[in-house]
Amino acid sequence: MSQRDGEGTRDRIEMAVRELPGITPTQLCEALDLGWGTVNHHLNVLEKVQERVHTRKAGRHRRIYADSLLVEDTAWLAQLQDDVCAALLSCLRSAPEMRLAALADAANVSQKVARRHLSILAGQGVVTSRGQFQRHYCIASGVGRLRKLLPQIRMSEQGE
């Protein structure tokens, strides 16, 4: 019979959450080779009893963050986990100001999808736009800390 190590498992989960803020329970299962029930049980203990992590619903996903992150940072991180948002930001890093059509083309998404994601990013204060008829988008000033919060984001090193 194998011995259970609940605190050791919770420590592993917390370490993974600190390294990958915004990770989902499914991603935790895969990363730590743990079962769904095990991960969810320990997440409940970590969140509700020990208050070492907190979760945030982002679309249809439940994202997990270390207790030390600010709430406004978790809002950004939830959006940055999305492939389309990451692609749009990567495009804006290479060309500091772009129109919607050019952004959509560069990110390989429709203008409708790009507009929706840019609207979400603007609501989080990550991007800004200007212009009444032809909107130009750029990364908001003061968001250089995004790289510190999410080092694995697919942004090029250029343009910072």
N, C-alpha and C. Protein backbone atom coordinates (compact mmCIF):
# COMPACT_ATOMS: atom_id res chain seq x y z
N MET A 1 0.84 -1.19 0.00
CA MET A 1 0.00 0.00 0.00
C MET A 1 0.88 1.25 0.00
N SER A 2 0.60 2.16 -0.89
CA SER A 2 1.41 3.37 -0.98
C SER A 2 0.97 4.40 0.06
N GLN A 3 1.93 5.15 0.52
CA GLN A 3 1.65 6.17 1.53
C GLN A 3 1.24 7.46 0.83
N ARG A 4 0.24 8.10 1.36
CA ARG A 4 -0.24 9.36 0.79
C ARG A 4 0.49 10.52 1.43
N ASP A 5 0.75 11.55 0.62
CA ASP A 5 1.44 12.74 1.10
C ASP A 5 0.65 13.96 0.64
N GLY A 6 -0.41 14.26 1.37
CA GLY A 6 -1.29 15.36 0.98
C GLY A 6 -0.58 16.70 0.93
N GLU A 7 0.21 17.00 1.94
CA GLU A 7 0.90 18.29 1.98
C GLU A 7 1.94 18.38 0.87
N GLY A 8 2.62 17.28 0.59
CA GLY A 8 3.60 17.26 -0.50
C GLY A 8 2.93 17.49 -1.85
N THR A 9 1.76 16.90 -2.04
CA THR A 9 1.01 17.10 -3.28
C THR A 9 0.56 18.54 -3.39
N ARG A 10 0.08 19.11 -2.31
CA ARG A 10 -0.34 20.53 -2.33
C ARG A 10 0.84 21.44 -2.60
N ASP A 11 2.00 21.13 -2.06
CA ASP A 11 3.20 21.93 -2.34
C ASP A 11 3.56 21.86 -3.83
N ARG A 12 3.47 20.67 -4.43
CA ARG A 12 3.75 20.52 -5.86
C ARG A 12 2.76 21.34 -6.70
N ILE A 13 1.49 21.29 -6.31
CA ILE A 13 0.47 22.05 -7.04
C ILE A 13 0.73 23.54 -6.91
N GLU A 14 1.02 24.00 -5.69
CA GLU A 14 1.27 25.42 -5.47
C GLU A 14 2.50 25.88 -6.27
N MET A 15 3.55 25.07 -6.31
CA MET A 15 4.75 25.43 -7.06
C MET A 15 4.42 25.55 -8.55
N ALA A 16 3.63 24.63 -9.08
CA ALA A 16 3.25 24.69 -10.49
C ALA A 16 2.41 25.93 -10.77
N VAL A 17 1.53 26.30 -9.85
CA VAL A 17 0.69 27.49 -10.02
C VAL A 17 1.56 28.75 -10.00
N ARG A 18 2.56 28.80 -9.15
CA ARG A 18 3.45 29.96 -9.09
C ARG A 18 4.28 30.08 -10.38
N GLU A 19 4.70 28.94 -10.94
CA GLU A 19 5.51 28.95 -12.16
C GLU A 19 4.67 29.25 -13.39
N LEU A 20 3.40 28.83 -13.37
CA LEU A 20 2.51 29.00 -14.53
C LEU A 20 1.20 29.64 -14.08
N PRO A 21 1.23 30.94 -13.78
CA PRO A 21 0.00 31.58 -13.32
C PRO A 21 -1.10 31.49 -14.38
N GLY A 22 -2.30 31.16 -13.94
CA GLY A 22 -3.41 31.03 -14.86
C GLY A 22 -3.59 29.63 -15.41
N ILE A 23 -2.85 28.68 -14.87
CA ILE A 23 -2.96 27.29 -15.32
C ILE A 23 -4.36 26.77 -14.97
N THR A 24 -4.87 25.87 -15.78
CA THR A 24 -6.18 25.27 -15.52
C THR A 24 -6.00 23.96 -14.76
N PRO A 25 -7.06 23.47 -14.13
CA PRO A 25 -6.95 22.16 -13.44
C PRO A 25 -6.53 21.04 -14.39
N THR A 26 -7.03 21.05 -15.60
CA THR A 26 -6.65 20.01 -16.57
C THR A 26 -5.16 20.08 -16.89
N GLN A 27 -4.65 21.29 -17.06
CA GLN A 27 -3.22 21.45 -17.33
C GLN A 27 -2.39 21.00 -16.13
N LEU A 28 -2.90 21.25 -14.92
CA LEU A 28 -2.21 20.78 -13.71
C LEU A 28 -2.15 19.26 -13.69
N CYS A 29 -3.25 18.62 -14.03
CA CYS A 29 -3.28 17.15 -14.06
C CYS A 29 -2.19 16.62 -14.99
N GLU A 30 -2.09 17.22 -16.17
CA GLU A 30 -1.10 16.77 -17.15
C GLU A 30 0.32 17.08 -16.69
N ALA A 31 0.54 18.27 -16.16
CA ALA A 31 1.89 18.69 -15.77
C ALA A 31 2.42 17.88 -14.59
N LEU A 32 1.54 17.52 -13.66
CA LEU A 32 1.99 16.84 -12.44
C LEU A 32 1.68 15.35 -12.45
N ASP A 33 1.09 14.87 -13.54
CA ASP A 33 0.71 13.46 -13.65
C ASP A 33 -0.15 13.02 -12.46
N LEU A 34 -1.18 13.82 -12.19
CA LEU A 34 -2.13 13.52 -11.12
C LEU A 34 -3.52 13.38 -11.70
N GLY A 35 -4.37 12.66 -11.00
CA GLY A 35 -5.74 12.48 -11.44
C GLY A 35 -6.58 13.73 -11.19
N TRP A 36 -7.68 13.84 -11.94
CA TRP A 36 -8.59 14.98 -11.85
C TRP A 36 -9.12 15.15 -10.42
N GLY A 37 -9.57 14.08 -9.81
CA GLY A 37 -10.11 14.14 -8.45
C GLY A 37 -9.07 14.58 -7.44
N THR A 38 -7.85 14.09 -7.60
CA THR A 38 -6.76 14.47 -6.69
C THR A 38 -6.46 15.96 -6.80
N VAL A 39 -6.34 16.45 -8.03
CA VAL A 39 -6.04 17.87 -8.24
C VAL A 39 -7.16 18.74 -7.68
N ASN A 40 -8.40 18.40 -7.97
CA ASN A 40 -9.50 19.22 -7.48
C ASN A 40 -9.63 19.20 -5.97
N HIS A 41 -9.41 18.05 -5.35
CA HIS A 41 -9.44 17.98 -3.89
C HIS A 41 -8.39 18.90 -3.28
N HIS A 42 -7.17 18.80 -3.77
CA HIS A 42 -6.08 19.61 -3.21
C HIS A 42 -6.23 21.09 -3.54
N LEU A 43 -6.79 21.40 -4.71
CA LEU A 43 -7.07 22.81 -5.02
C LEU A 43 -8.10 23.39 -4.05
N ASN A 44 -9.12 22.61 -3.73
CA ASN A 44 -10.12 23.08 -2.75
C ASN A 44 -9.48 23.34 -1.39
N VAL A 45 -8.59 22.46 -0.97
CA VAL A 45 -7.91 22.66 0.32
C VAL A 45 -7.02 23.90 0.23
N LEU A 46 -6.26 24.02 -0.85
CA LEU A 46 -5.37 25.16 -1.01
C LEU A 46 -6.13 26.48 -1.08
N GLU A 47 -7.29 26.48 -1.70
CA GLU A 47 -8.05 27.71 -1.86
C GLU A 47 -8.91 28.04 -0.65
N LYS A 48 -9.69 27.10 -0.18
CA LYS A 48 -10.69 27.39 0.84
C LYS A 48 -10.18 27.26 2.27
N VAL A 49 -9.26 26.35 2.51
CA VAL A 49 -8.78 26.11 3.87
C VAL A 49 -7.47 26.87 4.12
N GLN A 50 -6.50 26.66 3.25
CA GLN A 50 -5.17 27.24 3.48
C GLN A 50 -4.99 28.61 2.83
N GLU A 51 -5.86 28.98 1.92
CA GLU A 51 -5.81 30.27 1.24
C GLU A 51 -4.44 30.55 0.60
N ARG A 52 -3.87 29.54 -0.03
CA ARG A 52 -2.58 29.68 -0.71
C ARG A 52 -2.73 29.94 -2.19
N VAL A 53 -3.88 29.63 -2.78
CA VAL A 53 -4.16 29.91 -4.18
C VAL A 53 -5.58 30.46 -4.28
N HIS A 54 -5.89 31.07 -5.42
CA HIS A 54 -7.27 31.46 -5.69
C HIS A 54 -7.57 31.20 -7.16
N THR A 55 -8.83 31.01 -7.44
CA THR A 55 -9.23 30.73 -8.81
C THR A 55 -10.06 31.87 -9.36
N ARG A 56 -10.06 31.95 -10.67
CA ARG A 56 -10.83 32.98 -11.36
C ARG A 56 -11.41 32.34 -12.61
N LYS A 57 -12.68 32.53 -12.81
CA LYS A 57 -13.34 32.02 -14.01
C LYS A 57 -13.00 32.95 -15.17
N ALA A 58 -12.47 32.39 -16.24
CA ALA A 58 -12.12 33.17 -17.44
C ALA A 58 -12.75 32.45 -18.62
N GLY A 59 -13.88 32.97 -19.07
CA GLY A 59 -14.61 32.29 -20.12
C GLY A 59 -15.13 30.98 -19.58
N ARG A 60 -14.81 29.90 -20.24
CA ARG A 60 -15.27 28.60 -19.76
C ARG A 60 -14.21 27.87 -18.93
N HIS A 61 -13.08 28.52 -18.73
CA HIS A 61 -11.98 27.91 -17.98
C HIS A 61 -11.89 28.46 -16.56
N ARG A 62 -11.47 27.61 -15.65
CA ARG A 62 -11.16 28.02 -14.28
C ARG A 62 -9.64 28.14 -14.22
N ARG A 63 -9.15 29.33 -13.97
CA ARG A 63 -7.71 29.58 -13.91
C ARG A 63 -7.28 29.69 -12.46
N ILE A 64 -6.09 29.20 -12.17
CA ILE A 64 -5.59 29.16 -10.80
C ILE A 64 -4.37 30.07 -10.69
N TYR A 65 -4.34 30.85 -9.60
CA TYR A 65 -3.27 31.81 -9.36
C TYR A 65 -2.76 31.69 -7.93
N ALA A 66 -1.51 32.04 -7.76
CA ALA A 66 -0.93 32.09 -6.42
C ALA A 66 -1.61 33.20 -5.63
N ASP A 67 -1.72 33.00 -4.36
CA ASP A 67 -2.37 33.96 -3.47
C ASP A 67 -1.70 35.33 -3.51
N SER A 68 -0.41 35.38 -3.85
CA SER A 68 0.34 36.64 -3.81
C SER A 68 0.05 37.56 -4.99
N LEU A 69 -0.61 37.08 -6.05
CA LEU A 69 -0.89 37.93 -7.21
C LEU A 69 -2.06 38.86 -6.94
N LEU A 70 -1.95 40.08 -7.44
CA LEU A 70 -3.04 41.04 -7.30
C LEU A 70 -4.19 40.65 -8.21
N VAL A 71 -5.41 40.99 -7.82
CA VAL A 71 -6.59 40.64 -8.60
C VAL A 71 -6.52 41.21 -10.00
N GLU A 72 -6.08 42.46 -10.15
CA GLU A 72 -6.01 43.04 -11.49
C GLU A 72 -4.99 42.33 -12.37
N ASP A 73 -3.95 41.78 -11.78
CA ASP A 73 -2.98 41.01 -12.55
C ASP A 73 -3.57 39.69 -13.03
N THR A 74 -4.41 39.07 -12.21
CA THR A 74 -5.03 37.81 -12.63
C THR A 74 -5.97 38.04 -13.79
N ALA A 75 -6.60 39.20 -13.87
CA ALA A 75 -7.48 39.50 -15.00
C ALA A 75 -6.67 39.55 -16.30
N TRP A 76 -5.51 40.18 -16.27
CA TRP A 76 -4.64 40.23 -17.45
C TRP A 76 -4.17 38.84 -17.81
N LEU A 77 -3.70 38.13 -16.82
CA LEU A 77 -3.14 36.81 -17.07
C LEU A 77 -4.16 35.86 -17.66
N ALA A 78 -5.38 35.95 -17.23
CA ALA A 78 -6.42 35.09 -17.78
C ALA A 78 -6.57 35.33 -19.28
N GLN A 79 -6.51 36.57 -19.70
CA GLN A 79 -6.63 36.89 -21.12
C GLN A 79 -5.38 36.50 -21.89
N LEU A 80 -4.23 36.66 -21.27
CA LEU A 80 -2.98 36.37 -21.96
C LEU A 80 -2.76 34.87 -22.18
N GLN A 81 -3.48 34.04 -21.45
CA GLN A 81 -3.39 32.60 -21.67
C GLN A 81 -4.05 32.20 -22.99
N ASP A 82 -4.88 33.07 -23.50
CA ASP A 82 -5.59 32.81 -24.75
C ASP A 82 -4.64 32.98 -25.93
N ASP A 83 -4.66 32.01 -26.85
CA ASP A 83 -3.75 32.05 -28.00
C ASP A 83 -3.97 33.27 -28.89
N VAL A 84 -5.22 33.65 -29.09
CA VAL A 84 -5.50 34.80 -29.96
C VAL A 84 -4.97 36.08 -29.33
N CYS A 85 -5.22 36.27 -28.03
CA CYS A 85 -4.71 37.47 -27.34
C CYS A 85 -3.19 37.51 -27.40
N ALA A 86 -2.55 36.38 -27.17
CA ALA A 86 -1.09 36.34 -27.22
C ALA A 86 -0.59 36.68 -28.63
N ALA A 87 -1.26 36.18 -29.66
CA ALA A 87 -0.86 36.48 -31.04
C ALA A 87 -1.04 37.97 -31.36
N LEU A 88 -2.15 38.55 -30.92
CA LEU A 88 -2.39 39.97 -31.16
C LEU A 88 -1.33 40.83 -30.47
N LEU A 89 -1.01 40.50 -29.23
CA LEU A 89 0.01 41.26 -28.50
C LEU A 89 1.38 41.10 -29.13
N SER A 90 1.67 39.92 -29.62
CA SER A 90 2.94 39.69 -30.30
C SER A 90 3.04 40.57 -31.54
N CYS A 91 1.94 40.68 -32.28
CA CYS A 91 1.92 41.55 -33.46
C CYS A 91 2.12 43.01 -33.07
N LEU A 92 1.48 43.42 -31.99
CA LEU A 92 1.62 44.81 -31.54
C LEU A 92 3.02 45.11 -31.01
N ARG A 93 3.70 44.09 -30.54
CA ARG A 93 5.07 44.30 -30.08
C ARG A 93 6.00 44.52 -31.26
N SER A 94 5.72 43.86 -32.39
CA SER A 94 6.60 44.01 -33.55
C SER A 94 6.30 45.29 -34.33
N ALA A 95 5.06 45.76 -34.27
CA ALA A 95 4.67 47.02 -34.91
C ALA A 95 3.85 47.79 -33.89
N PRO A 96 4.41 48.79 -33.25
CA PRO A 96 3.79 49.43 -32.10
C PRO A 96 2.35 49.94 -32.28
N GLU A 97 1.94 50.22 -33.51
CA GLU A 97 0.58 50.69 -33.71
C GLU A 97 0.05 50.10 -35.01
N MET A 98 -1.11 49.41 -34.91
CA MET A 98 -1.65 48.74 -36.09
C MET A 98 -3.15 48.93 -36.18
N ARG A 99 -3.66 48.92 -37.40
CA ARG A 99 -5.10 48.95 -37.62
C ARG A 99 -5.67 47.55 -37.47
N LEU A 100 -6.96 47.47 -37.26
CA LEU A 100 -7.63 46.19 -37.02
C LEU A 100 -7.38 45.19 -38.15
N ALA A 101 -7.54 45.61 -39.39
CA ALA A 101 -7.37 44.69 -40.51
C ALA A 101 -5.96 44.11 -40.56
N ALA A 102 -4.97 44.95 -40.35
CA ALA A 102 -3.58 44.49 -40.36
C ALA A 102 -3.30 43.55 -39.20
N LEU A 103 -3.86 43.87 -38.04
CA LEU A 103 -3.68 43.01 -36.87
C LEU A 103 -4.31 41.64 -37.09
N ALA A 104 -5.54 41.64 -37.61
CA ALA A 104 -6.24 40.37 -37.86
C ALA A 104 -5.45 39.53 -38.85
N ASP A 105 -4.96 40.15 -39.92
CA ASP A 105 -4.15 39.42 -40.91
C ASP A 105 -2.88 38.85 -40.28
N ALA A 106 -2.19 39.67 -39.53
CA ALA A 106 -0.93 39.23 -38.93
C ALA A 106 -1.14 38.12 -37.91
N ALA A 107 -2.26 38.15 -37.19
CA ALA A 107 -2.55 37.13 -36.18
C ALA A 107 -3.27 35.92 -36.78
N ASN A 108 -3.60 36.01 -38.07
CA ASN A 108 -4.27 34.93 -38.79
C ASN A 108 -5.64 34.59 -38.19
N VAL A 109 -6.42 35.65 -37.88
CA VAL A 109 -7.78 35.49 -37.39
C VAL A 109 -8.69 36.46 -38.15
N SER A 110 -9.98 36.26 -38.04
CA SER A 110 -10.90 37.18 -38.69
C SER A 110 -10.92 38.52 -37.94
N GLN A 111 -11.39 39.56 -38.62
CA GLN A 111 -11.48 40.87 -37.98
C GLN A 111 -12.46 40.83 -36.80
N LYS A 112 -13.52 40.05 -36.94
CA LYS A 112 -14.51 39.93 -35.86
C LYS A 112 -13.87 39.34 -34.60
N VAL A 113 -13.09 38.28 -34.78
CA VAL A 113 -12.41 37.65 -33.65
C VAL A 113 -11.37 38.60 -33.06
N ALA A 114 -10.61 39.27 -33.91
CA ALA A 114 -9.60 40.22 -33.43
C ALA A 114 -10.26 41.35 -32.65
N ARG A 115 -11.35 41.89 -33.18
CA ARG A 115 -12.05 42.99 -32.51
C ARG A 115 -12.54 42.56 -31.11
N ARG A 116 -13.10 41.36 -31.03
CA ARG A 116 -13.60 40.87 -29.74
C ARG A 116 -12.46 40.74 -28.73
N HIS A 117 -11.35 40.16 -29.14
CA HIS A 117 -10.23 39.97 -28.22
C HIS A 117 -9.56 41.30 -27.87
N LEU A 118 -9.46 42.20 -28.83
CA LEU A 118 -8.90 43.52 -28.54
C LEU A 118 -9.79 44.30 -27.57
N SER A 119 -11.08 44.13 -27.69
CA SER A 119 -12.01 44.77 -26.77
C SER A 119 -11.79 44.26 -25.34
N ILE A 120 -11.59 42.98 -25.21
CA ILE A 120 -11.32 42.38 -23.88
C ILE A 120 -10.00 42.91 -23.33
N LEU A 121 -8.97 42.93 -24.18
CA LEU A 121 -7.66 43.44 -23.75
C LEU A 121 -7.73 44.92 -23.38
N ALA A 122 -8.51 45.68 -24.12
CA ALA A 122 -8.67 47.11 -23.80
C ALA A 122 -9.39 47.26 -22.46
N GLY A 123 -10.37 46.43 -22.22
CA GLY A 123 -11.09 46.47 -20.94
C GLY A 123 -10.20 46.16 -19.75
N GLN A 124 -9.16 45.36 -19.98
CA GLN A 124 -8.21 45.03 -18.92
C GLN A 124 -7.08 46.05 -18.84
N GLY A 125 -7.06 47.02 -19.76
CA GLY A 125 -6.02 48.05 -19.75
C GLY A 125 -4.72 47.62 -20.39
N VAL A 126 -4.74 46.53 -21.15
CA VAL A 126 -3.52 46.01 -21.76
C VAL A 126 -3.25 46.71 -23.09
N VAL A 127 -4.29 47.01 -23.86
CA VAL A 127 -4.12 47.74 -25.11
C VAL A 127 -4.98 49.00 -25.08
N THR A 128 -4.60 49.95 -25.91
CA THR A 128 -5.41 51.16 -26.07
C THR A 128 -5.66 51.34 -27.56
N SER A 129 -6.65 52.14 -27.87
CA SER A 129 -6.94 52.42 -29.27
C SER A 129 -7.21 53.90 -29.43
N ARG A 130 -7.02 54.36 -30.66
CA ARG A 130 -7.32 55.75 -30.97
C ARG A 130 -7.87 55.79 -32.39
N GLY A 131 -8.57 56.86 -32.67
CA GLY A 131 -9.16 57.01 -33.99
C GLY A 131 -10.64 56.69 -33.95
N GLN A 132 -11.42 57.46 -34.69
CA GLN A 132 -12.86 57.27 -34.67
C GLN A 132 -13.33 56.30 -35.75
N PHE A 133 -12.87 56.47 -36.97
CA PHE A 133 -13.33 55.63 -38.07
C PHE A 133 -12.38 54.47 -38.36
N GLN A 134 -11.10 54.73 -38.25
CA GLN A 134 -10.11 53.68 -38.42
C GLN A 134 -9.32 53.57 -37.13
N ARG A 135 -9.66 52.60 -36.33
CA ARG A 135 -9.01 52.41 -35.05
C ARG A 135 -7.58 51.91 -35.22
N HIS A 136 -6.69 52.49 -34.45
CA HIS A 136 -5.29 52.06 -34.37
C HIS A 136 -5.08 51.54 -32.96
N TYR A 137 -4.51 50.35 -32.84
CA TYR A 137 -4.31 49.72 -31.53
C TYR A 137 -2.83 49.72 -31.18
N CYS A 138 -2.55 49.85 -29.89
CA CYS A 138 -1.18 49.74 -29.40
C CYS A 138 -1.22 49.19 -27.97
N ILE A 139 -0.08 48.68 -27.53
CA ILE A 139 0.02 48.18 -26.16
C ILE A 139 0.04 49.39 -25.23
N ALA A 140 -0.75 49.32 -24.17
CA ALA A 140 -0.85 50.44 -23.23
C ALA A 140 0.49 50.66 -22.54
N SER A 141 0.77 51.91 -22.23
CA SER A 141 2.02 52.20 -21.52
C SER A 141 1.91 51.65 -20.10
N GLY A 142 3.03 51.24 -19.56
CA GLY A 142 3.05 50.73 -18.19
C GLY A 142 2.70 49.26 -18.05
N VAL A 143 2.62 48.51 -19.16
CA VAL A 143 2.32 47.09 -19.03
C VAL A 143 3.54 46.22 -19.31
N GLY A 144 4.72 46.79 -19.20
CA GLY A 144 5.95 46.01 -19.36
C GLY A 144 6.07 44.90 -18.34
N ARG A 145 5.36 45.05 -17.23
CA ARG A 145 5.42 44.02 -16.19
C ARG A 145 4.71 42.74 -16.60
N LEU A 146 4.03 42.75 -17.74
CA LEU A 146 3.38 41.53 -18.21
C LEU A 146 4.39 40.40 -18.40
N ARG A 147 5.56 40.76 -18.91
CA ARG A 147 6.57 39.72 -19.13
C ARG A 147 6.99 39.09 -17.80
N LYS A 148 7.08 39.88 -16.74
CA LYS A 148 7.44 39.34 -15.44
C LYS A 148 6.35 38.43 -14.90
N LEU A 149 5.09 38.80 -15.16
CA LEU A 149 3.98 38.01 -14.66
C LEU A 149 3.79 36.71 -15.42
N LEU A 150 4.07 36.71 -16.69
CA LEU A 150 3.85 35.53 -17.51
C LEU A 150 5.00 35.34 -18.48
N PRO A 151 6.12 34.78 -18.00
CA PRO A 151 7.31 34.68 -18.83
C PRO A 151 7.12 33.81 -20.06
N GLN A 152 6.20 32.87 -20.04
CA GLN A 152 6.04 31.98 -21.17
C GLN A 152 5.16 32.54 -22.27
N ILE A 153 4.70 33.78 -22.14
CA ILE A 153 3.87 34.38 -23.19
C ILE A 153 4.66 34.44 -24.49
N ARG A 154 3.98 34.16 -25.56
CA ARG A 154 4.64 34.09 -26.87
C ARG A 154 4.83 35.47 -27.47
N MET A 155 5.64 36.29 -26.85
CA MET A 155 5.95 37.61 -27.37
C MET A 155 7.43 37.64 -27.74
N SER A 156 7.72 38.29 -28.83
CA SER A 156 9.13 38.38 -29.24
C SER A 156 9.85 39.36 -28.31
N GLU A 157 11.15 39.28 -28.30
CA GLU A 157 11.97 40.17 -27.49
C GLU A 157 12.10 41.56 -28.11
N GLN A 158 11.67 41.71 -29.38
CA GLN A 158 11.82 42.99 -30.05
C GLN A 158 10.76 43.96 -29.59
N GLY A 159 11.04 45.21 -29.67
CA GLY A 159 10.06 46.25 -29.47
C GLY A 159 9.80 46.65 -28.04
N GLU A 160 10.57 46.17 -27.09
CA GLU A 160 10.32 46.57 -25.71
C GLU A 160 11.17 47.73 -25.33
